[in-house]
Protein backbone atom coordinates (compact mmCIF):
# COMPACT_ATOMS: atom_id res chain seq x y z
CA UNK A 1 0.00 0.00 0.00
CA UNK A 2 1.43 3.38 -1.05
CA UNK A 3 1.28 6.36 1.28
CA UNK A 4 -0.43 9.43 -0.13
CA UNK A 5 0.72 12.94 0.71
CA UNK A 6 -1.90 14.73 -1.37
CA UNK A 7 -3.04 16.57 1.77
CA UNK A 8 0.40 18.22 2.33
CA UNK A 9 -0.05 21.30 0.07
CA UNK A 10 -3.37 22.06 1.78
CA UNK A 11 -1.75 21.84 5.19
CA UNK A 12 1.08 24.16 4.12
CA UNK A 13 -1.44 26.62 2.67
CA UNK A 14 -3.42 26.57 5.91
CA UNK A 15 -0.24 27.38 7.85
CA UNK A 16 0.60 30.25 5.51
CA UNK A 17 -2.91 31.71 5.78
CA UNK A 18 -2.84 31.54 9.58
CA UNK A 19 0.30 33.70 9.80
CA UNK A 20 0.53 36.85 11.88
CA UNK A 21 -0.15 40.29 10.35
CA UNK A 22 1.97 41.20 7.30
CA UNK A 23 5.65 42.02 7.45
CA UNK A 24 7.12 43.64 4.38
CA UNK A 25 10.09 45.50 2.91
CA UNK A 26 9.89 49.04 1.55
CA UNK A 27 12.63 49.92 -0.94
CA UNK A 28 13.58 53.59 -1.15
CA UNK A 29 16.53 55.77 -2.12
CA UNK A 30 18.14 55.23 1.30
CA UNK A 31 17.90 51.45 1.01
CA UNK A 32 15.43 48.87 2.32
CA UNK A 33 13.32 49.35 5.44
CA UNK A 34 11.81 46.30 7.13
CA UNK A 35 8.30 46.99 8.48
CA UNK A 36 5.70 45.03 10.42
CA UNK A 37 2.45 45.77 12.22
CA UNK A 38 2.96 46.76 15.86
CA UNK A 39 2.24 44.29 18.62
CA UNK A 40 -1.02 45.34 20.34
CA UNK A 41 -0.18 45.86 24.00
CA UNK A 42 -2.66 44.45 26.47
CA UNK A 43 -3.63 46.38 29.60
CA UNK A 44 -1.05 44.50 31.70
CA UNK A 45 1.81 44.64 29.12
CA UNK A 46 4.66 47.19 29.12
CA UNK A 47 8.21 47.72 27.81
CA UNK A 48 7.48 46.67 24.23
CA UNK A 49 10.60 46.01 22.12
CA UNK A 50 11.31 44.19 18.85
CA UNK A 51 14.21 42.05 17.64
CA UNK A 52 15.13 41.48 13.99
CA UNK A 53 17.35 38.71 12.63
CA UNK A 54 18.69 38.73 9.06
CA UNK A 55 20.26 35.61 7.55
CA UNK A 56 22.35 34.95 4.45
CA UNK A 57 20.63 32.59 2.03
CA UNK A 58 22.03 29.43 0.54
CA UNK A 59 19.80 27.39 -1.79
CA UNK A 60 16.74 29.18 -0.46
CA UNK A 61 17.47 28.35 3.19
CA UNK A 62 18.94 30.49 5.99
CA UNK A 63 22.68 29.80 6.19
CA UNK A 64 24.16 32.22 8.70
CA UNK A 65 22.77 35.07 10.78
CA UNK A 66 24.45 38.32 9.73
CA UNK A 67 22.36 40.86 11.68
CA UNK A 68 20.73 40.65 15.08
CA UNK A 69 19.12 43.96 16.02
CA UNK A 70 17.67 44.19 19.53
CA UNK A 71 15.82 46.72 21.64
CA UNK A 72 13.97 48.30 18.70
CA UNK A 73 11.21 50.64 19.93
CA UNK A 74 9.35 50.98 16.62
CA UNK A 75 7.99 48.35 14.20
CA UNK A 76 10.60 49.07 11.55
CA UNK A 77 14.30 48.54 10.94
CA UNK A 78 16.67 49.84 8.26
CA UNK A 79 19.58 47.42 7.82
CA UNK A 80 22.83 49.14 6.92
CA UNK A 81 26.13 47.85 5.64
CA UNK A 82 24.91 44.60 4.11
CA UNK A 83 26.46 43.72 0.76
CA UNK A 84 24.23 43.21 -2.26
CA UNK A 85 22.46 39.88 -2.26
CA UNK A 86 19.51 37.87 -1.09
CA UNK A 87 18.65 37.46 2.57
CA UNK A 88 15.86 36.18 4.79
CA UNK A 89 14.57 38.13 7.78
CA UNK A 90 12.36 37.51 10.77
CA UNK A 91 11.06 39.55 13.72
CA UNK A 92 9.90 38.84 17.26
CA UNK A 93 8.46 40.91 20.09
CA UNK A 94 9.59 41.24 23.70
CA UNK A 95 7.48 42.78 26.44
CA UNK A 96 6.70 42.56 30.14
CA UNK A 97 3.42 41.12 31.38
CA UNK A 98 2.52 41.03 35.06
CA UNK A 99 6.15 41.71 35.99
CA UNK A 100 7.56 38.84 33.88
CA UNK A 101 9.48 38.96 30.58
CA UNK A 102 7.67 37.53 27.54
CA UNK A 103 8.83 36.92 23.98
CA UNK A 104 6.87 35.90 20.89
CA UNK A 105 8.02 33.37 18.31
CA UNK A 106 10.12 34.54 15.39
CA UNK A 107 7.75 35.19 12.53
CA UNK A 108 7.39 36.82 9.14
CA UNK A 109 4.62 36.25 6.65
CA UNK A 110 5.50 34.87 3.23
CA UNK A 111 4.36 37.17 0.42
CA UNK A 112 5.85 35.41 -2.59
CA UNK A 113 3.78 32.23 -2.60
CA UNK A 114 4.24 29.20 -0.43
CA UNK A 115 7.66 28.46 0.95
CA UNK A 116 9.14 25.14 1.92
CA UNK A 117 10.52 27.01 4.95
CA UNK A 118 7.16 26.47 6.63
CA UNK A 119 7.80 22.73 6.52
CA UNK A 120 11.54 22.83 7.23
CA UNK A 121 11.34 25.17 10.19
CA UNK A 122 7.72 25.65 11.26
CA UNK A 123 8.58 27.57 14.44
CA UNK A 124 10.21 30.38 12.45
CA UNK A 125 8.84 32.14 9.41
CA UNK A 126 11.12 34.11 7.12
CA UNK A 127 10.45 36.86 4.62
CA UNK A 128 12.65 37.66 1.63
CA UNK A 129 15.00 40.68 1.54
CA UNK A 130 17.09 41.68 -1.46
CA UNK A 131 19.80 44.31 -1.13
CA UNK A 132 20.32 46.07 -4.51
């Protein structure tokens, strides 16, 4: 009896559709700016900060982290000093709730169709970044 994996694309699509709010890259004369929707603070949450990780790409997969920006107060980040090329990026949120430190999962919504990254590393979503 052969195993059927016909259900797999539907499962991947469901995961992609259930992603957090959009993250995107704006390209301007000063270079790219990574943007995402702000984390909505609850009544008992304070000290909101974001972290961004940018990875080099090899064969469509993250190879090596080249940027780790922490303590960002706004939902945007302008990477500087990266050479031309293709990268993947992800963002997470840190905040305090009821006196304890909390952190969300790394996440970034895919905008260029489905990505095998959802299957390879489901706990972390990546978005594409190209430095021109």
